[in-house]
N, C-alpha and C. Protein backbone atom coordinates (compact mmCIF):
# COMPACT_ATOMS: atom_id res chain seq x y z
N MET A 1 157.90 85.44 93.41
CA MET A 1 158.34 84.30 92.76
C MET A 1 159.64 84.02 93.23
N ARG A 2 159.74 82.50 93.39
CA ARG A 2 160.95 82.00 93.81
C ARG A 2 161.85 82.04 92.78
N ASN A 3 163.13 82.22 93.54
CA ASN A 3 164.62 81.85 92.64
C ASN A 3 164.65 80.77 92.52
N THR A 4 165.53 80.38 91.71
CA THR A 4 166.61 78.92 91.86
C THR A 4 166.79 78.29 92.74
N VAL A 5 167.44 79.04 93.81
CA VAL A 5 167.96 78.49 94.66
C VAL A 5 166.79 78.02 95.82
N GLU A 6 165.76 78.74 95.71
CA GLU A 6 164.23 78.50 96.69
C GLU A 6 163.90 76.93 96.04
N ILE A 7 163.78 77.22 94.62
CA ILE A 7 163.01 76.02 93.84
C ILE A 7 164.06 74.49 94.29
N LEU A 8 165.21 74.78 94.14
CA LEU A 8 165.95 73.36 94.28
C LEU A 8 165.88 72.92 96.06
N GLN A 9 165.73 74.14 96.72
CA GLN A 9 165.60 73.54 98.24
C GLN A 9 164.30 72.85 98.40
N LEU A 10 163.31 73.60 97.74
CA LEU A 10 161.63 73.04 97.71
C LEU A 10 161.98 71.48 97.20
N ARG A 11 162.67 71.20 96.20
CA ARG A 11 162.96 69.90 95.70
C ARG A 11 163.12 68.97 96.42
N ALA A 12 164.11 69.76 97.43
CA ALA A 12 165.17 68.44 98.34
C ALA A 12 164.00 68.23 99.49
N GLU A 13 162.89 68.77 99.88
CA GLU A 13 161.92 68.49 100.83
C GLU A 13 161.39 67.23 100.28
N PHE A 14 161.24 66.96 99.28
CA PHE A 14 160.67 65.78 98.56
C PHE A 14 161.53 64.82 98.34
N SER A 15 160.95 63.34 98.22
CA SER A 15 161.94 62.56 97.54
C SER A 15 160.99 61.60 96.77
N PRO A 16 161.62 60.90 95.98
CA PRO A 16 160.71 60.06 95.01
C PRO A 16 159.83 59.30 95.86
N GLY A 17 158.55 58.77 95.69
CA GLY A 17 157.74 58.37 96.33
C GLY A 17 157.14 58.85 97.37
N ASP A 18 157.40 60.02 97.60
CA ASP A 18 156.86 60.65 98.86
C ASP A 18 155.33 61.04 98.34
N THR A 19 154.45 61.10 99.74
CA THR A 19 152.76 61.71 99.08
C THR A 19 152.85 63.11 99.29
N LEU A 20 152.03 63.83 98.74
CA LEU A 20 151.78 64.99 99.16
C LEU A 20 150.68 64.96 100.07
N PRO A 21 150.53 66.30 100.82
CA PRO A 21 149.40 66.43 101.67
C PRO A 21 147.97 65.96 101.22
N GLU A 22 146.99 65.45 101.89
CA GLU A 22 145.85 65.37 101.58
C GLU A 22 145.23 66.62 101.05
N LEU A 23 144.23 66.48 100.18
CA LEU A 23 143.47 67.91 99.67
C LEU A 23 141.99 67.38 99.42
N ARG A 24 141.17 67.77 100.40
CA ARG A 24 139.73 67.50 100.42
C ARG A 24 138.91 68.46 99.81
N VAL A 25 138.05 68.31 98.74
CA VAL A 25 137.12 69.31 98.18
C VAL A 25 135.81 68.70 98.14
N THR A 26 134.95 69.60 98.27
CA THR A 26 133.31 69.46 98.49
C THR A 26 132.93 70.34 97.23
N PRO A 27 132.78 69.56 96.09
CA PRO A 27 132.05 70.20 94.74
C PRO A 27 130.59 70.64 95.25
N ASP A 28 130.01 71.69 94.76
CA ASP A 28 128.75 72.06 94.88
C ASP A 28 127.85 71.66 93.82
N LYS A 29 126.58 71.49 93.79
CA LYS A 29 125.71 70.79 92.97
C LYS A 29 125.90 71.41 91.44
N TYR A 30 126.20 72.81 91.35
CA TYR A 30 126.42 73.47 90.44
C TYR A 30 127.77 73.39 89.45
N LEU A 31 128.43 72.90 90.22
CA LEU A 31 130.14 73.01 89.56
C LEU A 31 130.00 72.04 88.49
N PRO A 32 129.06 70.80 88.03
CA PRO A 32 129.33 70.44 86.76
C PRO A 32 128.92 71.12 85.61
N HIS A 33 127.75 71.91 85.96
CA HIS A 33 127.36 72.51 85.03
C HIS A 33 128.30 74.14 84.73
N ARG A 34 129.05 74.75 85.77
CA ARG A 34 129.92 75.44 85.17
C ARG A 34 131.09 75.09 84.53
N TYR A 35 131.52 73.53 84.49
CA TYR A 35 132.60 73.24 83.98
C TYR A 35 131.92 72.95 82.42
N ALA A 36 130.82 72.32 82.36
CA ALA A 36 130.31 72.29 81.39
C ALA A 36 130.32 73.41 80.25
N GLY A 37 129.77 74.64 80.93
CA GLY A 37 129.96 75.63 80.16
C GLY A 37 131.29 76.16 79.79
N ALA A 38 132.16 76.05 80.69
CA ALA A 38 133.44 76.35 80.37
C ALA A 38 134.61 75.81 79.44
N SER A 39 133.74 74.33 79.48
CA SER A 39 134.60 73.52 78.43
C SER A 39 133.94 73.11 77.30
N GLY A 40 132.73 73.32 77.43
CA GLY A 40 131.86 73.25 76.10
C GLY A 40 131.33 71.94 75.95
N ASP A 41 131.85 70.98 77.00
CA ASP A 41 131.37 69.59 77.05
C ASP A 41 130.04 69.33 77.99
N PHE A 42 128.92 69.09 76.99
CA PHE A 42 127.78 69.18 77.78
C PHE A 42 127.40 67.70 77.85
N ASN A 43 128.42 66.67 77.67
CA ASN A 43 127.82 65.25 77.81
C ASN A 43 127.06 64.87 78.88
N PRO A 44 125.98 64.37 78.93
CA PRO A 44 125.09 64.38 79.84
C PRO A 44 125.36 63.33 81.15
N ILE A 45 126.33 62.88 81.34
CA ILE A 45 127.14 61.82 82.15
C ILE A 45 127.84 62.80 83.22
N HIS A 46 127.76 64.01 82.69
CA HIS A 46 128.44 64.99 83.48
C HIS A 46 127.54 66.13 84.46
N ILE A 47 126.34 66.09 83.48
CA ILE A 47 125.15 67.10 84.28
C ILE A 47 123.91 66.33 84.86
N ASP A 48 123.54 64.93 84.12
CA ASP A 48 122.37 64.79 84.35
C ASP A 48 122.79 63.31 85.06
N PRO A 49 122.49 63.31 86.48
CA PRO A 49 122.63 62.25 87.44
C PRO A 49 121.79 60.84 86.81
N GLU A 50 120.64 61.32 86.15
CA GLU A 50 119.62 60.02 85.98
C GLU A 50 120.12 59.29 84.82
N PHE A 51 120.76 60.21 83.73
CA PHE A 51 121.23 59.52 82.56
C PHE A 51 122.83 58.88 83.32
N ALA A 52 123.45 59.51 83.89
CA ALA A 52 124.83 58.74 83.99
C ALA A 52 124.30 57.55 84.69
N LYS A 53 123.29 57.14 85.81
CA LYS A 53 122.95 56.01 86.18
C LYS A 53 122.53 55.18 85.30
N ALA A 54 121.60 55.47 84.18
CA ALA A 54 121.24 54.69 83.11
C ALA A 54 122.55 54.21 82.34
N ALA A 55 123.49 54.97 82.60
CA ALA A 55 124.67 54.49 81.51
C ALA A 55 125.73 53.73 82.56
N GLY A 56 125.22 53.41 83.90
CA GLY A 56 125.86 52.42 84.32
C GLY A 56 126.81 52.94 85.44
N LEU A 57 127.04 54.34 85.65
CA LEU A 57 127.89 55.13 86.69
C LEU A 57 126.95 55.30 87.83
N PRO A 58 127.43 55.40 88.82
CA PRO A 58 126.53 55.60 90.39
C PRO A 58 126.15 56.90 90.13
N GLY A 59 126.51 57.79 89.46
CA GLY A 59 125.96 59.37 89.48
C GLY A 59 126.57 60.22 88.36
N ASN A 60 126.18 61.45 88.23
CA ASN A 60 126.86 62.19 87.33
C ASN A 60 128.43 62.15 87.63
N ILE A 61 129.17 62.29 87.07
CA ILE A 61 130.72 62.37 87.20
C ILE A 61 131.21 63.81 86.44
N LEU A 62 132.25 64.20 87.52
CA LEU A 62 132.73 65.75 87.15
C LEU A 62 133.71 65.31 85.80
N HIS A 63 133.94 66.71 85.13
CA HIS A 63 134.59 66.63 84.12
C HIS A 63 135.90 66.35 84.49
N GLY A 64 137.20 65.73 83.32
CA GLY A 64 138.46 65.68 83.90
C GLY A 64 139.23 66.94 84.10
N LEU A 65 138.84 68.02 83.35
CA LEU A 65 139.37 69.25 83.72
C LEU A 65 138.99 69.62 85.30
N TYR A 66 138.24 69.18 85.72
CA TYR A 66 138.13 69.77 87.28
C TYR A 66 139.19 69.07 87.84
N THR A 67 139.25 67.57 87.62
CA THR A 67 140.24 66.83 88.21
C THR A 67 141.91 67.24 87.84
N MET A 68 142.15 67.79 86.80
CA MET A 68 143.10 68.54 86.89
C MET A 68 143.54 69.57 87.35
N ALA A 69 142.65 70.20 87.62
CA ALA A 69 142.66 71.75 88.58
C ALA A 69 142.97 71.15 89.64
N GLN A 70 142.34 70.30 90.32
CA GLN A 70 142.51 69.63 91.62
C GLN A 70 143.82 69.22 91.97
N VAL A 71 144.47 68.57 90.71
CA VAL A 71 146.12 68.07 90.80
C VAL A 71 146.77 69.33 90.72
N ALA A 72 146.46 70.54 90.00
CA ALA A 72 147.31 71.17 89.94
C ALA A 72 147.27 72.08 91.28
N ARG A 73 146.21 72.18 91.88
CA ARG A 73 146.03 72.76 93.24
C ARG A 73 146.99 72.07 94.12
N ALA A 74 146.79 70.57 94.53
CA ALA A 74 147.33 70.29 95.38
C ALA A 74 149.04 70.15 94.90
N HIS A 75 149.47 70.32 94.01
CA HIS A 75 150.96 70.63 93.89
C HIS A 75 151.33 71.87 94.11
N THR A 76 150.67 72.99 93.76
CA THR A 76 150.85 74.32 93.97
C THR A 76 150.74 74.58 95.68
N ASP A 77 150.02 73.71 96.37
CA ASP A 77 149.88 74.12 97.83
C ASP A 77 150.95 73.46 98.45
N ALA A 78 151.67 72.34 97.80
CA ALA A 78 152.65 71.73 98.45
C ALA A 78 154.17 72.22 98.18
N ALA A 79 153.99 72.99 96.91
CA ALA A 79 155.15 74.13 96.53
C ALA A 79 154.98 75.36 97.62
N GLY A 80 154.12 75.41 98.37
CA GLY A 80 154.19 76.72 99.03
C GLY A 80 153.30 77.61 98.41
N ALA A 81 152.44 77.33 97.72
CA ALA A 81 151.53 78.04 96.75
C ALA A 81 151.66 79.18 95.94
N ASP A 82 153.22 78.89 95.53
CA ASP A 82 153.90 79.19 94.37
C ASP A 82 154.01 78.70 93.04
N PRO A 83 153.21 78.73 92.29
CA PRO A 83 153.40 77.77 91.17
C PRO A 83 154.69 78.17 90.18
């Protein structure tokens, strides 16, 4: 775990407006089903590509919970993998 001095030094490495390093992920086809089970959100726009297309989407969309997990992951990686 980092101490206060290390955290302040890390903050000094970033300035307002800086961008974080790019994080690319490729979700597997079962990920929407796992997140549906974890969150209890079985909305068919997340797990049924045909339903999602009928609703006007390009295909099924991932849960917001997954998106937030990737944001947290990118920030953790930028902070030296120490949340």
